[in-house]
N, C-alpha and C. Protein backbone atom coordinates (compact mmCIF):
# COMPACT_ATOMS: atom_id res chain seq x y z
N UNK A 1 -5.60 23.82 13.47
CA UNK A 1 -5.87 22.79 12.38
C UNK A 1 -7.26 22.21 12.89
N UNK A 2 -7.65 21.55 11.42
CA UNK A 2 -8.79 20.39 11.97
C UNK A 2 -8.84 19.26 12.07
N UNK A 3 -9.37 18.47 12.43
CA UNK A 3 -9.29 17.23 12.27
C UNK A 3 -8.92 16.45 10.98
N UNK A 4 -9.57 16.66 9.73
CA UNK A 4 -9.24 16.27 8.73
C UNK A 4 -7.62 16.52 8.31
N UNK A 5 -7.22 17.56 8.83
CA UNK A 5 -5.71 17.92 8.14
C UNK A 5 -4.74 16.87 9.11
N UNK A 6 -4.85 16.83 10.52
CA UNK A 6 -4.41 16.41 11.64
C UNK A 6 -4.34 14.79 10.85
N UNK A 7 -5.40 14.18 10.49
CA UNK A 7 -5.49 12.82 10.48
C UNK A 7 -4.73 12.32 9.32
N UNK A 8 -5.09 13.29 8.22
CA UNK A 8 -4.11 13.01 6.67
C UNK A 8 -2.68 13.26 7.47
N UNK A 9 -2.18 14.09 8.36
CA UNK A 9 -0.77 14.16 8.52
C UNK A 9 -0.23 12.83 9.39
N UNK A 10 -1.12 12.51 10.22
CA UNK A 10 -0.85 11.09 11.01
C UNK A 10 -0.58 10.30 9.78
N UNK A 11 -1.90 9.76 9.02
CA UNK A 11 -1.43 8.93 7.91
C UNK A 11 -0.28 9.27 7.10
N UNK A 12 0.10 10.37 6.59
CA UNK A 12 1.30 10.49 5.83
C UNK A 12 2.64 10.14 6.76
N UNK A 13 2.62 10.36 8.03
CA UNK A 13 3.76 9.96 8.57
C UNK A 13 3.72 8.51 8.95
N UNK A 14 2.70 7.98 9.21
CA UNK A 14 2.91 6.51 9.12
C UNK A 14 3.32 5.87 8.19
N UNK A 15 2.61 6.38 6.66
CA UNK A 15 2.91 5.60 5.34
C UNK A 15 4.14 5.69 5.24
N UNK A 16 4.81 6.97 5.56
CA UNK A 16 6.13 7.33 4.94
C UNK A 16 7.07 6.45 5.97
N UNK A 17 6.97 5.94 7.11
CA UNK A 17 7.80 5.41 8.51
C UNK A 17 7.38 3.88 7.88
N UNK A 18 6.19 3.43 7.62
CA UNK A 18 6.07 2.11 7.28
C UNK A 18 6.99 1.67 5.83
N UNK A 19 6.91 2.36 4.82
CA UNK A 19 7.57 2.03 3.35
C UNK A 19 8.74 2.00 3.48
N UNK A 20 9.53 2.29 4.44
CA UNK A 20 11.21 2.10 4.77
C UNK A 20 11.48 0.40 4.93
N UNK A 21 10.30 0.05 6.14
CA UNK A 21 10.50 -1.49 6.36
C UNK A 21 10.55 -2.41 5.11
N UNK A 22 9.56 -2.62 4.47
CA UNK A 22 9.34 -3.38 3.26
C UNK A 22 10.43 -3.39 2.27
N UNK A 23 10.90 -1.80 1.70
CA UNK A 23 11.81 -1.86 1.44
C UNK A 23 13.28 -2.34 1.53
N UNK A 24 13.66 -1.73 3.11
CA UNK A 24 14.76 -2.45 3.40
C UNK A 24 14.73 -3.89 3.65
N UNK A 25 13.83 -4.54 3.63
CA UNK A 25 13.58 -6.03 4.17
C UNK A 25 13.64 -6.76 2.51
N UNK A 26 12.95 -6.19 1.77
CA UNK A 26 13.09 -6.81 0.34
C UNK A 26 14.87 -6.76 -0.17
N UNK A 27 15.58 -5.76 -0.13
CA UNK A 27 17.06 -5.77 -0.36
C UNK A 27 17.84 -6.28 0.62
N UNK A 28 17.75 -6.24 1.74
CA UNK A 28 18.19 -6.94 3.03
C UNK A 28 18.12 -8.42 2.64
N UNK A 29 17.06 -8.84 2.49
CA UNK A 29 16.82 -10.56 2.12
C UNK A 29 17.96 -11.03 1.16
N UNK A 30 18.09 -10.25 -0.08
CA UNK A 30 19.27 -10.68 -0.84
C UNK A 30 20.67 -10.86 -0.53
N UNK A 31 20.84 -9.86 0.46
CA UNK A 31 22.31 -9.96 1.22
C UNK A 31 22.33 -10.80 2.29
N UNK A 32 21.29 -11.36 3.03
CA UNK A 32 21.08 -12.15 3.93
C UNK A 32 21.37 -13.71 3.15
N UNK A 33 20.89 -13.76 1.81
CA UNK A 33 20.56 -15.04 1.27
C UNK A 33 22.14 -15.42 0.74
N UNK A 34 22.74 -14.17 0.30
CA UNK A 34 24.22 -14.16 -0.14
C UNK A 34 25.55 -14.39 1.09
N UNK A 35 25.05 -14.17 1.85
CA UNK A 35 25.95 -14.23 2.94
C UNK A 35 25.88 -15.54 3.39
N UNK A 36 24.32 -16.04 3.77
CA UNK A 36 24.29 -17.90 4.00
C UNK A 36 25.11 -18.79 2.79
N UNK A 37 24.63 -18.21 1.57
CA UNK A 37 25.53 -18.80 0.53
C UNK A 37 27.08 -18.90 0.74
N UNK A 38 27.75 -17.64 1.11
CA UNK A 38 29.24 -17.89 1.11
C UNK A 38 29.44 -18.45 2.31
N UNK A 39 28.99 -18.50 3.57
CA UNK A 39 29.09 -19.29 4.78
C UNK A 39 28.96 -20.60 4.38
N UNK A 40 28.01 -21.25 3.70
CA UNK A 40 27.74 -22.50 3.28
C UNK A 40 28.98 -23.02 2.74
N UNK A 41 29.12 -22.15 1.43
CA UNK A 41 30.13 -22.59 0.40
C UNK A 41 31.68 -22.51 0.60
N UNK A 42 31.98 -21.43 1.88
CA UNK A 42 33.50 -21.37 1.97
C UNK A 42 33.63 -21.86 3.34
N UNK A 43 32.60 -21.82 4.27
CA UNK A 43 32.89 -22.33 5.63
C UNK A 43 33.64 -21.30 6.77
N UNK A 44 33.72 -20.03 6.05
CA UNK A 44 34.32 -19.04 6.60
C UNK A 44 33.58 -18.56 7.88
N UNK A 45 33.68 -18.63 8.92
CA UNK A 45 33.02 -17.80 10.06
C UNK A 45 32.86 -16.59 9.97
N UNK A 46 33.33 -15.96 9.44
CA UNK A 46 33.13 -14.59 9.34
C UNK A 46 31.54 -14.29 8.05
N UNK A 47 31.60 -14.88 7.25
CA UNK A 47 30.55 -15.09 6.34
C UNK A 47 29.26 -15.41 7.50
N UNK A 48 29.20 -16.41 8.05
CA UNK A 48 28.37 -16.64 9.02
C UNK A 48 27.79 -16.14 10.62
N UNK A 49 28.95 -14.97 10.23
CA UNK A 49 28.66 -14.28 11.74
C UNK A 49 28.06 -12.97 11.09
N UNK A 50 28.65 -12.76 9.58
CA UNK A 50 27.45 -11.41 8.99
C UNK A 50 26.24 -12.16 8.76
N UNK A 51 25.97 -13.41 8.50
CA UNK A 51 24.56 -13.76 8.23
C UNK A 51 23.75 -13.65 9.43
N UNK A 52 24.03 -14.12 10.53
CA UNK A 52 23.80 -13.73 11.83
C UNK A 52 23.32 -12.62 12.38
N UNK A 53 24.08 -11.53 11.91
CA UNK A 53 23.74 -10.44 12.45
C UNK A 53 22.90 -9.55 11.55
N UNK A 54 22.97 -9.71 10.39
CA UNK A 54 21.72 -9.20 9.55
C UNK A 54 20.63 -9.96 9.53
N UNK A 55 20.76 -11.22 9.82
CA UNK A 55 19.17 -11.77 10.28
C UNK A 55 18.46 -11.33 11.26
N UNK A 56 19.23 -11.11 12.27
CA UNK A 56 18.68 -10.18 13.56
C UNK A 56 18.21 -8.71 12.97
N UNK A 57 18.79 -7.80 12.09
CA UNK A 57 18.38 -6.72 11.65
C UNK A 57 17.15 -7.13 11.05
N UNK A 58 17.14 -7.75 9.81
CA UNK A 58 15.82 -8.24 9.03
C UNK A 58 14.76 -8.63 10.04
N UNK A 59 15.14 -9.51 11.20
CA UNK A 59 13.82 -9.83 12.03
C UNK A 59 12.98 -8.24 12.61
N UNK A 60 14.11 -7.37 13.08
CA UNK A 60 13.49 -6.37 13.71
C UNK A 60 12.80 -5.36 13.01
N UNK A 61 13.60 -5.03 11.43
CA UNK A 61 12.88 -4.41 10.67
C UNK A 61 11.71 -5.33 10.09
N UNK A 62 11.12 -6.31 10.34
CA UNK A 62 10.14 -7.12 9.77
C UNK A 62 8.87 -6.80 11.22
N UNK A 63 9.49 -6.81 12.12
CA UNK A 63 8.39 -6.79 13.36
C UNK A 63 8.18 -5.23 13.27
N UNK A 64 8.68 -4.18 12.76
CA UNK A 64 8.66 -2.55 13.00
C UNK A 64 7.41 -2.51 11.69
N UNK A 65 7.84 -3.51 10.61
CA UNK A 65 7.02 -3.31 9.59
C UNK A 65 5.57 -3.79 9.68
N UNK A 66 5.79 -4.69 10.52
CA UNK A 66 4.35 -5.38 11.01
C UNK A 66 3.31 -4.40 11.90
N UNK A 67 4.17 -3.71 12.84
CA UNK A 67 3.60 -2.89 13.84
C UNK A 67 2.76 -1.86 12.84
N UNK A 68 3.81 -1.19 12.08
CA UNK A 68 2.92 0.26 11.43
C UNK A 68 2.08 -0.25 10.44
N UNK A 69 2.33 -1.13 9.79
CA UNK A 69 1.12 -1.59 8.89
C UNK A 69 -0.13 -1.92 9.71
N UNK A 70 -0.16 -2.65 10.66
CA UNK A 70 -1.82 -2.71 11.18
C UNK A 70 -1.90 -1.43 11.44
N UNK A 71 -0.95 -0.53 11.96
CA UNK A 71 -2.06 0.86 12.03
C UNK A 71 -2.16 1.44 11.19
N UNK A 72 -1.55 1.18 10.15
CA UNK A 72 -1.97 1.96 8.63
C UNK A 72 -3.02 1.55 8.14
N UNK A 73 -3.29 0.07 8.19
CA UNK A 73 -4.78 -0.58 7.79
C UNK A 73 -5.93 -0.02 8.34
N UNK A 74 -5.70 -0.07 9.85
CA UNK A 74 -6.90 0.54 10.74
C UNK A 74 -7.19 2.18 10.09
N UNK A 75 -6.34 3.02 9.75
CA UNK A 75 -6.19 4.36 9.17
C UNK A 75 -7.32 4.45 8.20
N UNK A 76 -7.22 3.67 7.55
CA UNK A 76 -8.13 3.57 6.11
C UNK A 76 -9.30 3.77 6.35
N UNK A 77 -9.75 2.89 7.26
CA UNK A 77 -11.05 3.47 7.72
C UNK A 77 -11.57 4.53 8.87
N UNK A 78 -10.79 4.81 9.82
CA UNK A 78 -10.88 5.82 10.62
C UNK A 78 -10.63 7.11 9.90
N UNK A 79 -9.60 7.28 8.93
CA UNK A 79 -9.19 8.62 8.58
C UNK A 79 -10.21 8.63 6.87
N UNK A 80 -10.37 7.88 6.33
CA UNK A 80 -11.28 8.27 4.94
C UNK A 80 -12.32 7.23 5.01
N UNK A 81 -13.14 7.11 5.93
CA UNK A 81 -14.47 6.35 5.92
C UNK A 81 -15.62 6.62 4.70
N UNK A 82 -15.62 7.80 4.22
CA UNK A 82 -16.19 8.25 3.00
C UNK A 82 -15.62 7.31 2.09
N UNK A 83 -14.27 7.33 1.57
CA UNK A 83 -13.65 6.78 0.68
C UNK A 83 -14.04 5.43 0.70
N UNK A 84 -13.50 4.63 1.79
CA UNK A 84 -13.73 3.46 2.29
C UNK A 84 -14.96 2.82 2.06
N UNK A 85 -16.39 3.71 2.35
CA UNK A 85 -17.24 3.19 2.11
C UNK A 85 -17.71 2.90 0.49
N UNK A 86 -17.22 3.91 -0.34
CA UNK A 86 -17.40 3.64 -1.37
C UNK A 86 -16.49 2.72 -2.52
N UNK A 87 -14.91 2.64 -1.81
CA UNK A 87 -13.88 1.63 -2.58
C UNK A 87 -13.63 0.93 -1.55
N UNK A 88 -14.51 0.46 -0.52
CA UNK A 88 -14.14 -0.51 0.33
C UNK A 88 -14.30 -2.01 -0.12
N UNK A 89 -15.46 -2.49 -1.01
CA UNK A 89 -15.24 -3.49 -1.95
C UNK A 89 -14.29 -4.10 -2.74
N UNK A 90 -13.49 -2.98 -2.94
CA UNK A 90 -12.13 -3.14 -3.46
C UNK A 90 -10.68 -3.29 -2.94
N UNK A 91 -10.86 -2.25 -1.70
CA UNK A 91 -9.61 -1.94 -1.29
C UNK A 91 -9.85 -3.14 -0.10
N UNK A 92 -10.74 -3.56 0.57
CA UNK A 92 -10.88 -4.57 1.48
C UNK A 92 -10.12 -5.89 1.28
N UNK A 93 -10.78 -6.36 0.22
CA UNK A 93 -9.91 -7.93 -0.14
C UNK A 93 -8.47 -7.54 -0.56
N UNK A 94 -7.94 -6.41 -1.26
CA UNK A 94 -6.53 -6.34 -1.67
C UNK A 94 -5.80 -5.68 -0.32
N UNK A 95 -6.34 -5.61 0.64
CA UNK A 95 -5.63 -5.26 1.88
C UNK A 95 -5.51 -6.79 2.35
N UNK A 96 -6.64 -7.63 2.60
CA UNK A 96 -6.66 -9.14 2.93
C UNK A 96 -5.69 -9.79 2.32
N UNK A 97 -5.58 -9.68 0.92
CA UNK A 97 -4.82 -10.22 0.33
C UNK A 97 -3.27 -9.81 0.78
N UNK A 98 -3.31 -8.86 0.72
CA UNK A 98 -1.71 -8.27 1.33
C UNK A 98 -1.28 -8.62 2.38
N UNK A 99 -2.11 -8.97 3.60
CA UNK A 99 -1.80 -9.52 4.54
C UNK A 99 -1.59 -10.99 4.66
N UNK A 100 -2.50 -11.69 3.76
CA UNK A 100 -1.99 -13.26 3.37
C UNK A 100 -0.88 -13.24 3.19
N UNK A 101 -0.51 -12.68 1.44
CA UNK A 101 0.44 -13.29 1.17
C UNK A 101 1.85 -12.49 1.60
N UNK A 102 1.84 -11.19 1.96
CA UNK A 102 3.18 -10.50 2.31
C UNK A 102 3.49 -10.87 4.08
N UNK A 103 2.38 -10.66 4.64
CA UNK A 103 2.44 -11.09 6.30
C UNK A 103 2.95 -12.34 6.76
N UNK A 104 1.96 -13.18 5.94
CA UNK A 104 2.27 -14.85 6.64
C UNK A 104 3.19 -15.51 5.76
N UNK A 105 3.47 -15.32 4.72
CA UNK A 105 4.72 -15.88 3.71
C UNK A 105 5.69 -15.47 4.27
N UNK A 106 5.82 -13.84 4.33
CA UNK A 106 7.33 -13.60 5.11
C UNK A 106 7.55 -13.96 6.66
N UNK A 107 6.27 -13.99 7.30
CA UNK A 107 6.70 -14.56 8.58
C UNK A 107 6.87 -15.68 8.69
N UNK A 108 6.22 -16.79 7.65
CA UNK A 108 6.55 -17.97 8.03
C UNK A 108 7.87 -18.18 7.35
N UNK A 109 8.42 -17.66 6.37
CA UNK A 109 10.12 -18.11 6.05
C UNK A 109 10.93 -17.37 6.88
N UNK A 110 10.56 -16.37 7.86
CA UNK A 110 11.51 -15.48 8.59
C UNK A 110 11.34 -16.83 9.84
N UNK A 111 10.43 -17.20 10.01
CA UNK A 111 10.64 -18.18 11.12
C UNK A 111 11.24 -19.56 11.12
N UNK A 112 11.01 -19.92 9.82
CA UNK A 112 12.08 -20.95 9.37
C UNK A 112 13.39 -20.81 9.42
N UNK A 113 13.76 -19.45 9.09
CA UNK A 113 15.08 -19.11 8.71
C UNK A 113 15.50 -18.89 10.62
N UNK A 114 15.04 -18.35 11.12
CA UNK A 114 15.64 -18.25 12.69
C UNK A 114 15.19 -19.57 13.38
N UNK A 115 14.49 -20.01 13.63
CA UNK A 115 14.09 -21.15 14.62
C UNK A 115 14.65 -22.55 13.70
N UNK A 116 15.45 -22.31 12.30
CA UNK A 116 15.73 -23.69 11.61
C UNK A 116 16.91 -23.40 11.31
N UNK A 117 17.42 -22.26 12.13
CA UNK A 117 19.02 -22.12 12.01
C UNK A 117 20.12 -23.07 11.79
N UNK A 118 19.65 -23.65 13.33
CA UNK A 118 21.02 -24.94 13.52
C UNK A 118 20.49 -26.44 13.30
N UNK A 119 19.52 -26.58 12.41
CA UNK A 119 19.08 -27.92 11.90
C UNK A 119 19.30 -28.32 10.58
């Protein structure tokens, strides 16, 4: 196989792996909110235990999504330099906006959720 096919296979594997984590986190966020709501409303320790467990899973999937997302953004430039030369003025700001909104907002709220739990 030539380098072009191998690099496209590498990117396909990476993006297939990466997309799982944002999807899981979007769905899991609603369950975590529900578990926290039920724990606060009922005072049941079972809801709080479920909340704490799934918060850890949420944090792990976030970290894996960040790692696979960072490598994916570098692969845009290394695997398709011709495409990024032509579309980079559009794709670059979109990738930057995605980092600012998705990563920083999600990381900020995750930090509040994890480190502000006992406050």
